């Protein structure tokens, strides 16, 4: 918005999703059809999640969620999966000191529901009940990452 032909100094903060994509999707059910038979015990499900971001320009950022997981019983691995799901985001009108947390908290928060659905569909299509991941606390993940950064010799960069 302009005032008397001058650009407004306090532009409203904007976070726009320009694109979303699947970089990599892998689902393994190596023990099929045996893994699809009724099991004696509940499988242990392990999930790891990581967020990586790279600046593409002053206002555009590539953010990727990497989600890996597996389900195992005492006898075998039922399935394994890996998903790298990303997005391109434009961030404007945000103070410089707020861009880092916005990129590593808000952007993954917007990507997560789509990644969650892709994983649920992959496990269902692999012959299992859909695996619906619990919501991720990206603020806690960011704080954990920031706490680890001093031990690693500096703050976390967007190019991790």
N, C-alpha and C. Protein backbone atom coordinates (compact mmCIF):
# COMPACT_ATOMS: atom_id res chain seq x y z
N UNK A 1 0.84 -1.16 0.00
CA UNK A 1 0.00 0.00 0.00
C UNK A 1 0.89 1.23 0.00
N UNK A 2 0.47 2.24 -0.70
CA UNK A 2 1.26 3.46 -0.76
C UNK A 2 0.52 4.60 -0.10
N UNK A 3 1.31 5.58 0.33
CA UNK A 3 0.76 6.79 0.94
C UNK A 3 1.37 7.97 0.20
N UNK A 4 0.55 8.78 -0.45
CA UNK A 4 1.04 9.93 -1.22
C UNK A 4 2.14 9.53 -2.21
N UNK A 5 1.97 8.39 -2.85
CA UNK A 5 2.94 7.92 -3.82
C UNK A 5 4.17 7.27 -3.21
N UNK A 6 4.28 7.24 -1.90
CA UNK A 6 5.41 6.62 -1.21
C UNK A 6 5.03 5.21 -0.76
N UNK A 7 5.95 4.25 -0.83
CA UNK A 7 5.62 2.91 -0.31
C UNK A 7 5.42 2.96 1.20
N UNK A 8 4.50 2.15 1.69
CA UNK A 8 4.25 2.08 3.13
C UNK A 8 5.48 1.51 3.82
N UNK A 9 5.88 2.12 4.92
CA UNK A 9 7.07 1.66 5.63
C UNK A 9 6.82 0.37 6.39
N UNK A 10 5.63 0.21 6.92
CA UNK A 10 5.33 -0.97 7.71
C UNK A 10 4.45 -1.93 6.90
N UNK A 11 5.06 -2.61 5.94
CA UNK A 11 4.32 -3.57 5.14
C UNK A 11 3.89 -4.73 6.03
N UNK A 12 2.70 -5.22 5.78
CA UNK A 12 2.20 -6.35 6.57
C UNK A 12 3.06 -7.57 6.30
N UNK A 13 3.40 -8.32 7.34
CA UNK A 13 4.18 -9.54 7.14
C UNK A 13 3.43 -10.52 6.23
N UNK A 14 4.17 -11.17 5.35
CA UNK A 14 3.57 -12.13 4.43
C UNK A 14 4.39 -13.42 4.40
N UNK A 15 3.68 -14.51 4.39
CA UNK A 15 4.29 -15.83 4.19
C UNK A 15 3.45 -16.51 3.12
N UNK A 16 4.05 -16.70 1.96
CA UNK A 16 3.34 -17.31 0.84
C UNK A 16 3.99 -18.63 0.45
N UNK A 17 3.17 -19.62 0.18
CA UNK A 17 3.64 -20.91 -0.33
C UNK A 17 3.63 -20.79 -1.85
N UNK A 18 4.80 -20.86 -2.46
CA UNK A 18 4.89 -20.75 -3.92
C UNK A 18 4.79 -22.11 -4.60
N UNK A 19 5.29 -23.15 -3.93
CA UNK A 19 5.25 -24.50 -4.51
C UNK A 19 5.46 -25.52 -3.40
N UNK A 20 4.95 -26.73 -3.64
CA UNK A 20 5.19 -27.88 -2.76
C UNK A 20 5.56 -29.05 -3.66
N UNK A 21 6.41 -29.94 -3.14
CA UNK A 21 6.86 -31.05 -3.98
C UNK A 21 7.33 -32.23 -3.14
N UNK A 22 7.31 -33.40 -3.75
CA UNK A 22 7.92 -34.60 -3.18
C UNK A 22 9.27 -34.75 -3.86
N UNK A 23 10.36 -34.65 -3.09
CA UNK A 23 11.70 -34.87 -3.64
C UNK A 23 12.01 -36.37 -3.66
N UNK A 24 11.61 -37.08 -2.59
CA UNK A 24 11.91 -38.50 -2.51
C UNK A 24 10.83 -39.17 -1.67
N UNK A 25 10.35 -40.30 -2.15
CA UNK A 25 9.40 -41.11 -1.39
C UNK A 25 9.78 -42.56 -1.59
N UNK A 26 10.03 -43.22 -0.47
CA UNK A 26 10.40 -44.63 -0.51
C UNK A 26 9.58 -45.38 0.52
N UNK A 27 8.98 -46.49 0.12
CA UNK A 27 8.26 -47.35 1.04
C UNK A 27 8.72 -48.78 0.77
N UNK A 28 9.17 -49.45 1.82
CA UNK A 28 9.66 -50.82 1.68
C UNK A 28 8.84 -51.76 2.55
N UNK A 29 8.38 -52.83 1.93
CA UNK A 29 7.65 -53.90 2.61
C UNK A 29 8.33 -55.20 2.18
N UNK A 30 9.61 -55.35 2.57
CA UNK A 30 10.44 -56.45 2.09
C UNK A 30 9.99 -57.82 2.56
N UNK A 31 9.24 -57.88 3.64
CA UNK A 31 8.81 -59.18 4.16
C UNK A 31 7.39 -59.55 3.74
N UNK A 32 6.85 -58.83 2.76
CA UNK A 32 5.51 -59.16 2.26
C UNK A 32 5.58 -60.51 1.55
N UNK A 33 4.61 -61.34 1.65
CA UNK A 33 3.32 -61.14 2.30
C UNK A 33 3.30 -61.53 3.77
N UNK A 34 4.44 -62.07 4.26
CA UNK A 34 4.48 -62.51 5.66
C UNK A 34 4.21 -61.36 6.62
N UNK A 35 4.69 -60.16 6.31
CA UNK A 35 4.50 -59.00 7.19
C UNK A 35 3.05 -58.57 7.27
N UNK A 36 2.23 -59.00 6.32
CA UNK A 36 0.82 -58.61 6.30
C UNK A 36 -0.07 -59.56 7.10
N UNK A 37 0.50 -60.64 7.58
CA UNK A 37 -0.26 -61.59 8.38
C UNK A 37 -0.45 -61.04 9.79
N UNK A 38 -1.46 -61.52 10.52
CA UNK A 38 -1.64 -61.05 11.90
C UNK A 38 -0.38 -61.28 12.73
N UNK A 39 -0.02 -60.29 13.53
CA UNK A 39 1.19 -60.34 14.35
C UNK A 39 0.82 -60.63 15.80
N UNK A 40 1.74 -61.28 16.52
CA UNK A 40 1.51 -61.62 17.92
C UNK A 40 1.64 -60.42 18.85
N UNK A 41 2.44 -59.44 18.47
CA UNK A 41 2.62 -58.28 19.34
C UNK A 41 2.51 -56.99 18.53
N UNK A 42 2.28 -55.91 19.24
CA UNK A 42 2.18 -54.59 18.61
C UNK A 42 3.54 -54.20 18.05
N UNK A 43 3.57 -53.66 16.85
CA UNK A 43 4.87 -53.23 16.32
C UNK A 43 5.37 -51.97 17.03
N UNK A 44 6.68 -51.86 17.12
CA UNK A 44 7.30 -50.63 17.61
C UNK A 44 7.50 -49.72 16.40
N UNK A 45 6.99 -48.51 16.50
CA UNK A 45 7.08 -47.56 15.40
C UNK A 45 8.08 -46.48 15.79
N UNK A 46 9.07 -46.28 14.95
CA UNK A 46 10.11 -45.28 15.17
C UNK A 46 10.02 -44.24 14.07
N UNK A 47 10.04 -42.97 14.46
CA UNK A 47 9.95 -41.86 13.52
C UNK A 47 11.07 -40.87 13.80
N UNK A 48 11.74 -40.41 12.76
CA UNK A 48 12.72 -39.33 12.87
C UNK A 48 12.30 -38.24 11.89
N UNK A 49 12.44 -37.00 12.33
CA UNK A 49 12.08 -35.87 11.48
C UNK A 49 13.19 -34.84 11.51
N UNK A 50 13.44 -34.23 10.37
CA UNK A 50 14.45 -33.19 10.28
C UNK A 50 13.94 -32.11 9.34
N UNK A 51 14.34 -30.87 9.60
CA UNK A 51 13.97 -29.73 8.77
C UNK A 51 15.24 -29.11 8.23
N UNK A 52 15.28 -28.90 6.94
CA UNK A 52 16.40 -28.22 6.30
C UNK A 52 15.86 -27.06 5.48
N UNK A 53 16.61 -25.98 5.45
CA UNK A 53 16.17 -24.81 4.70
C UNK A 53 17.36 -24.17 4.01
N UNK A 54 17.10 -23.64 2.82
CA UNK A 54 18.12 -22.94 2.05
C UNK A 54 17.51 -21.67 1.48
N UNK A 55 18.20 -20.54 1.64
CA UNK A 55 17.70 -19.32 1.00
C UNK A 55 17.91 -19.41 -0.51
N UNK A 56 16.90 -19.00 -1.25
CA UNK A 56 17.00 -18.98 -2.72
C UNK A 56 17.22 -17.55 -3.21
N UNK A 57 16.73 -16.59 -2.43
CA UNK A 57 16.92 -15.17 -2.68
C UNK A 57 16.69 -14.47 -1.34
N UNK A 58 16.63 -13.16 -1.36
CA UNK A 58 16.42 -12.43 -0.11
C UNK A 58 15.07 -12.73 0.52
N UNK A 59 14.07 -13.07 -0.29
CA UNK A 59 12.72 -13.30 0.23
C UNK A 59 12.21 -14.72 0.00
N UNK A 60 12.93 -15.56 -0.72
CA UNK A 60 12.43 -16.90 -1.04
C UNK A 60 13.34 -17.96 -0.42
N UNK A 61 12.68 -18.98 0.14
CA UNK A 61 13.38 -20.04 0.85
C UNK A 61 12.84 -21.40 0.43
N UNK A 62 13.75 -22.35 0.31
CA UNK A 62 13.40 -23.75 0.09
C UNK A 62 13.44 -24.42 1.45
N UNK A 63 12.35 -25.08 1.83
CA UNK A 63 12.28 -25.77 3.12
C UNK A 63 11.89 -27.21 2.84
N UNK A 64 12.61 -28.16 3.44
CA UNK A 64 12.30 -29.57 3.25
C UNK A 64 12.18 -30.28 4.58
N UNK A 65 11.12 -31.07 4.68
CA UNK A 65 10.92 -31.99 5.81
C UNK A 65 11.42 -33.35 5.37
N UNK A 66 12.29 -33.95 6.17
CA UNK A 66 12.69 -35.32 5.94
C UNK A 66 12.10 -36.14 7.07
N UNK A 67 11.24 -37.08 6.71
CA UNK A 67 10.59 -37.93 7.70
C UNK A 67 10.92 -39.37 7.35
N UNK A 68 11.55 -40.06 8.31
CA UNK A 68 11.90 -41.46 8.14
C UNK A 68 11.26 -42.25 9.26
N UNK A 69 10.88 -43.47 8.95
CA UNK A 69 10.29 -44.29 9.99
C UNK A 69 10.27 -45.76 9.62
N UNK A 70 9.95 -46.55 10.64
CA UNK A 70 9.79 -47.99 10.42
C UNK A 70 8.87 -48.56 11.49
N UNK A 71 8.38 -49.73 11.19
CA UNK A 71 7.56 -50.49 12.14
C UNK A 71 8.17 -51.88 12.22
N UNK A 72 8.50 -52.29 13.46
CA UNK A 72 9.16 -53.58 13.67
C UNK A 72 8.46 -54.35 14.77
N UNK A 73 8.44 -55.67 14.59
CA UNK A 73 8.05 -56.58 15.66
C UNK A 73 9.33 -57.28 16.11
N UNK A 74 9.21 -58.18 17.07
CA UNK A 74 10.38 -58.94 17.50
C UNK A 74 10.93 -59.81 16.37
N UNK A 75 10.04 -60.25 15.50
CA UNK A 75 10.43 -61.17 14.43
C UNK A 75 10.95 -60.50 13.18
N UNK A 76 10.43 -59.31 12.84
CA UNK A 76 10.78 -58.73 11.53
C UNK A 76 10.44 -57.25 11.46
N UNK A 77 10.98 -56.64 10.42
CA UNK A 77 10.59 -55.28 10.07
C UNK A 77 9.35 -55.39 9.19
N UNK A 78 8.29 -54.72 9.61
CA UNK A 78 7.06 -54.75 8.82
C UNK A 78 7.18 -53.82 7.62
N UNK A 79 7.61 -52.59 7.87
CA UNK A 79 7.81 -51.65 6.76
C UNK A 79 8.78 -50.55 7.19
N UNK A 80 9.32 -49.88 6.16
CA UNK A 80 10.18 -48.71 6.33
C UNK A 80 9.72 -47.67 5.31
N UNK A 81 9.89 -46.41 5.67
CA UNK A 81 9.59 -45.36 4.71
C UNK A 81 10.52 -44.18 4.90
N UNK A 82 10.67 -43.42 3.83
CA UNK A 82 11.38 -42.15 3.87
C UNK A 82 10.65 -41.20 2.94
N UNK A 83 10.42 -40.00 3.42
CA UNK A 83 9.79 -38.95 2.62
C UNK A 83 10.59 -37.67 2.78
N UNK A 84 10.94 -37.08 1.66
CA UNK A 84 11.47 -35.72 1.68
C UNK A 84 10.44 -34.88 0.94
N UNK A 85 9.77 -34.03 1.70
CA UNK A 85 8.69 -33.20 1.17
C UNK A 85 9.08 -31.75 1.37
N UNK A 86 9.02 -30.97 0.32
CA UNK A 86 9.50 -29.61 0.42
C UNK A 86 8.54 -28.58 -0.11
N UNK A 87 8.94 -27.35 0.11
CA UNK A 87 8.17 -26.22 -0.38
C UNK A 87 9.08 -25.04 -0.63
N UNK A 88 8.59 -24.16 -1.49
CA UNK A 88 9.25 -22.89 -1.75
C UNK A 88 8.34 -21.82 -1.14
N UNK A 89 8.93 -20.98 -0.29
CA UNK A 89 8.17 -19.98 0.44
C UNK A 89 8.72 -18.59 0.17
N UNK A 90 7.82 -17.61 0.11
CA UNK A 90 8.22 -16.21 0.04
C UNK A 90 7.84 -15.57 1.37
N UNK A 91 8.83 -14.91 1.98
CA UNK A 91 8.61 -14.23 3.26
C UNK A 91 8.97 -12.76 3.04
N UNK A 92 8.00 -11.88 3.30
CA UNK A 92 8.22 -10.46 3.10
C UNK A 92 7.63 -9.69 4.27
N UNK A 93 8.21 -8.53 4.54
CA UNK A 93 7.70 -7.67 5.59
C UNK A 93 7.93 -8.20 6.99
N UNK A 94 8.91 -9.08 7.14
CA UNK A 94 9.21 -9.71 8.43
C UNK A 94 10.56 -9.17 8.90
N UNK A 95 10.67 -8.75 10.16
CA UNK A 95 11.97 -8.29 10.65
C UNK A 95 13.04 -9.37 10.47
N UNK A 96 14.25 -8.92 10.17
CA UNK A 96 15.36 -9.83 9.89
C UNK A 96 15.56 -10.89 10.98
N UNK A 97 15.41 -10.47 12.25
CA UNK A 97 15.65 -11.42 13.35
C UNK A 97 14.51 -12.45 13.50
N UNK A 98 13.43 -12.27 12.78
CA UNK A 98 12.30 -13.21 12.85
C UNK A 98 12.26 -14.17 11.66
N UNK A 99 13.08 -13.93 10.66
CA UNK A 99 13.03 -14.78 9.46
C UNK A 99 13.48 -16.20 9.78
N UNK A 100 14.58 -16.35 10.51
CA UNK A 100 15.11 -17.68 10.83
C UNK A 100 14.06 -18.56 11.51
N UNK A 101 13.44 -18.11 12.62
CA UNK A 101 12.42 -18.97 13.23
C UNK A 101 11.20 -19.18 12.33
N UNK A 102 10.86 -18.18 11.53
CA UNK A 102 9.70 -18.35 10.64
C UNK A 102 9.98 -19.45 9.62
N UNK A 103 11.18 -19.45 9.06
CA UNK A 103 11.54 -20.45 8.05
C UNK A 103 11.58 -21.85 8.66
N UNK A 104 12.11 -21.97 9.88
CA UNK A 104 12.30 -23.29 10.48
C UNK A 104 11.16 -23.74 11.39
N UNK A 105 10.16 -22.87 11.61
CA UNK A 105 8.99 -23.26 12.42
C UNK A 105 7.71 -23.20 11.59
N UNK A 106 7.42 -22.03 11.05
CA UNK A 106 6.14 -21.84 10.36
C UNK A 106 6.08 -22.56 9.03
N UNK A 107 7.16 -22.53 8.26
CA UNK A 107 7.15 -23.21 6.96
C UNK A 107 6.96 -24.72 7.12
N UNK A 108 7.71 -25.40 8.01
CA UNK A 108 7.46 -26.84 8.18
C UNK A 108 6.07 -27.13 8.73
N UNK A 109 5.56 -26.22 9.55
CA UNK A 109 4.21 -26.40 10.09
C UNK A 109 3.17 -26.41 8.96
N UNK A 110 3.40 -25.61 7.93
CA UNK A 110 2.50 -25.60 6.77
C UNK A 110 2.67 -26.84 5.90
N UNK A 111 3.88 -27.38 5.83
CA UNK A 111 4.15 -28.57 5.01
C UNK A 111 3.66 -29.86 5.66
N UNK A 112 3.71 -29.92 6.99
CA UNK A 112 3.49 -31.18 7.70
C UNK A 112 2.18 -31.89 7.37
N UNK A 113 1.03 -31.21 7.33
CA UNK A 113 -0.21 -31.97 7.05
C UNK A 113 -0.17 -32.71 5.72
N UNK A 114 0.48 -32.13 4.73
CA UNK A 114 0.58 -32.78 3.42
C UNK A 114 1.52 -33.98 3.49
N UNK A 115 2.65 -33.82 4.18
CA UNK A 115 3.59 -34.93 4.35
C UNK A 115 2.93 -36.06 5.15
N UNK A 116 2.18 -35.70 6.16
CA UNK A 116 1.48 -36.69 7.00
C UNK A 116 0.52 -37.53 6.14
N UNK A 117 -0.20 -36.88 5.23
CA UNK A 117 -1.15 -37.59 4.38
C UNK A 117 -0.43 -38.50 3.38
N UNK A 118 0.70 -38.06 2.86
CA UNK A 118 1.47 -38.88 1.93
C UNK A 118 1.93 -40.16 2.63
N UNK A 119 2.40 -40.04 3.86
CA UNK A 119 2.85 -41.22 4.62
C UNK A 119 1.67 -42.14 4.93
N UNK A 120 0.54 -41.56 5.31
CA UNK A 120 -0.65 -42.38 5.59
C UNK A 120 -1.07 -43.16 4.34
N UNK A 121 -1.05 -42.50 3.19
CA UNK A 121 -1.43 -43.17 1.95
C UNK A 121 -0.42 -44.26 1.57
N UNK A 122 0.87 -43.99 1.76
CA UNK A 122 1.89 -44.98 1.42
C UNK A 122 1.77 -46.23 2.28
N UNK A 123 1.54 -46.05 3.59
CA UNK A 123 1.40 -47.24 4.45
C UNK A 123 0.12 -47.99 4.12
N UNK A 124 -0.95 -47.28 3.83
CA UNK A 124 -2.20 -47.94 3.44
C UNK A 124 -2.02 -48.69 2.12
N UNK A 125 -1.38 -48.04 1.15
CA UNK A 125 -1.17 -48.69 -0.14
C UNK A 125 -0.19 -49.85 -0.03
N UNK A 126 0.64 -49.86 1.03
CA UNK A 126 1.56 -50.97 1.27
C UNK A 126 0.90 -52.15 1.96
N UNK A 127 -0.38 -52.04 2.26
CA UNK A 127 -1.12 -53.16 2.85
C UNK A 127 -1.35 -53.06 4.35
N UNK A 128 -0.99 -51.94 4.95
CA UNK A 128 -1.13 -51.75 6.40
C UNK A 128 -2.20 -50.70 6.68
N UNK A 129 -2.64 -50.62 7.93
CA UNK A 129 -3.52 -49.50 8.28
C UNK A 129 -2.75 -48.19 8.07
N UNK A 130 -3.42 -47.11 7.67
CA UNK A 130 -2.71 -45.84 7.46
C UNK A 130 -1.99 -45.40 8.74
N UNK A 131 -0.76 -44.96 8.60
CA UNK A 131 0.01 -44.45 9.72
C UNK A 131 -0.17 -42.92 9.75
N UNK A 132 -0.96 -42.45 10.70
CA UNK A 132 -1.17 -41.02 10.87
C UNK A 132 -0.21 -40.52 11.94
N UNK A 133 0.78 -39.77 11.53
CA UNK A 133 1.76 -39.24 12.47
C UNK A 133 1.11 -38.24 13.41
N UNK A 134 1.55 -38.26 14.67
CA UNK A 134 1.09 -37.26 15.63
C UNK A 134 1.61 -35.90 15.20
N UNK A 135 0.90 -34.84 15.57
CA UNK A 135 1.40 -33.50 15.25
C UNK A 135 2.80 -33.29 15.81
N UNK A 136 3.58 -32.50 15.10
CA UNK A 136 4.97 -32.21 15.49
C UNK A 136 5.00 -30.80 16.10
N UNK A 137 5.69 -30.67 17.22
CA UNK A 137 5.89 -29.37 17.84
C UNK A 137 7.15 -28.76 17.23
N UNK A 138 6.98 -27.98 16.17
CA UNK A 138 8.13 -27.41 15.48
C UNK A 138 8.83 -26.34 16.30
N UNK A 139 8.14 -25.73 17.26
CA UNK A 139 8.78 -24.78 18.16
C UNK A 139 9.78 -25.53 19.04
N UNK A 140 9.39 -26.65 19.62
CA UNK A 140 10.29 -27.44 20.45
C UNK A 140 11.46 -27.98 19.63
N UNK A 141 11.20 -28.41 18.40
CA UNK A 141 12.25 -28.90 17.52
C UNK A 141 13.26 -27.77 17.23
N UNK A 142 12.75 -26.57 17.01
CA UNK A 142 13.61 -25.41 16.75
C UNK A 142 14.45 -25.08 17.99
N UNK A 143 13.81 -25.07 19.15
CA UNK A 143 14.54 -24.77 20.38
C UNK A 143 15.63 -25.80 20.64
N UNK A 144 15.32 -27.07 20.40
CA UNK A 144 16.32 -28.13 20.57
C UNK A 144 17.49 -27.90 19.62
N UNK A 145 17.18 -27.54 18.41
CA UNK A 145 18.22 -27.28 17.42
C UNK A 145 19.07 -26.08 17.82
N UNK A 146 18.43 -25.03 18.34
CA UNK A 146 19.16 -23.84 18.79
C UNK A 146 20.04 -24.17 20.00
N UNK A 147 19.57 -25.03 20.89
CA UNK A 147 20.36 -25.41 22.07
C UNK A 147 21.58 -26.23 21.67
N UNK A 148 21.46 -27.03 20.63
CA UNK A 148 22.58 -27.84 20.17
C UNK A 148 23.60 -27.01 19.40
N UNK A 149 23.15 -25.91 18.80
CA UNK A 149 24.02 -25.10 17.95
C UNK A 149 25.25 -24.55 18.67
N UNK A 150 25.14 -23.99 19.90
CA UNK A 150 26.36 -23.49 20.55
C UNK A 150 27.41 -24.58 20.77
N UNK A 151 26.96 -25.77 21.05
CA UNK A 151 27.89 -26.89 21.26
C UNK A 151 28.58 -27.26 19.95
N UNK A 152 27.93 -26.94 18.82
CA UNK A 152 28.48 -27.27 17.52
C UNK A 152 29.24 -26.10 16.91
N UNK A 153 29.38 -25.00 17.68
CA UNK A 153 30.19 -23.89 17.21
C UNK A 153 29.45 -22.80 16.48
N UNK A 154 28.25 -22.43 16.93
CA UNK A 154 27.52 -21.32 16.33
C UNK A 154 26.05 -21.62 16.22
N UNK A 155 25.30 -20.63 15.80
CA UNK A 155 23.85 -20.79 15.63
C UNK A 155 23.55 -21.58 14.37
N UNK A 156 22.38 -22.19 14.31
CA UNK A 156 22.03 -22.97 13.13
C UNK A 156 21.81 -22.06 11.93
N UNK A 157 22.43 -22.41 10.83
CA UNK A 157 22.26 -21.66 9.60
C UNK A 157 21.07 -22.24 8.84
N UNK A 158 20.58 -21.49 7.90
CA UNK A 158 19.46 -21.98 7.09
C UNK A 158 19.92 -23.02 6.08
N UNK A 159 21.19 -23.25 5.94
CA UNK A 159 21.69 -24.21 4.96
C UNK A 159 22.11 -25.53 5.60
N UNK A 160 21.49 -25.90 6.68
CA UNK A 160 21.90 -27.14 7.38
C UNK A 160 21.49 -28.36 6.60
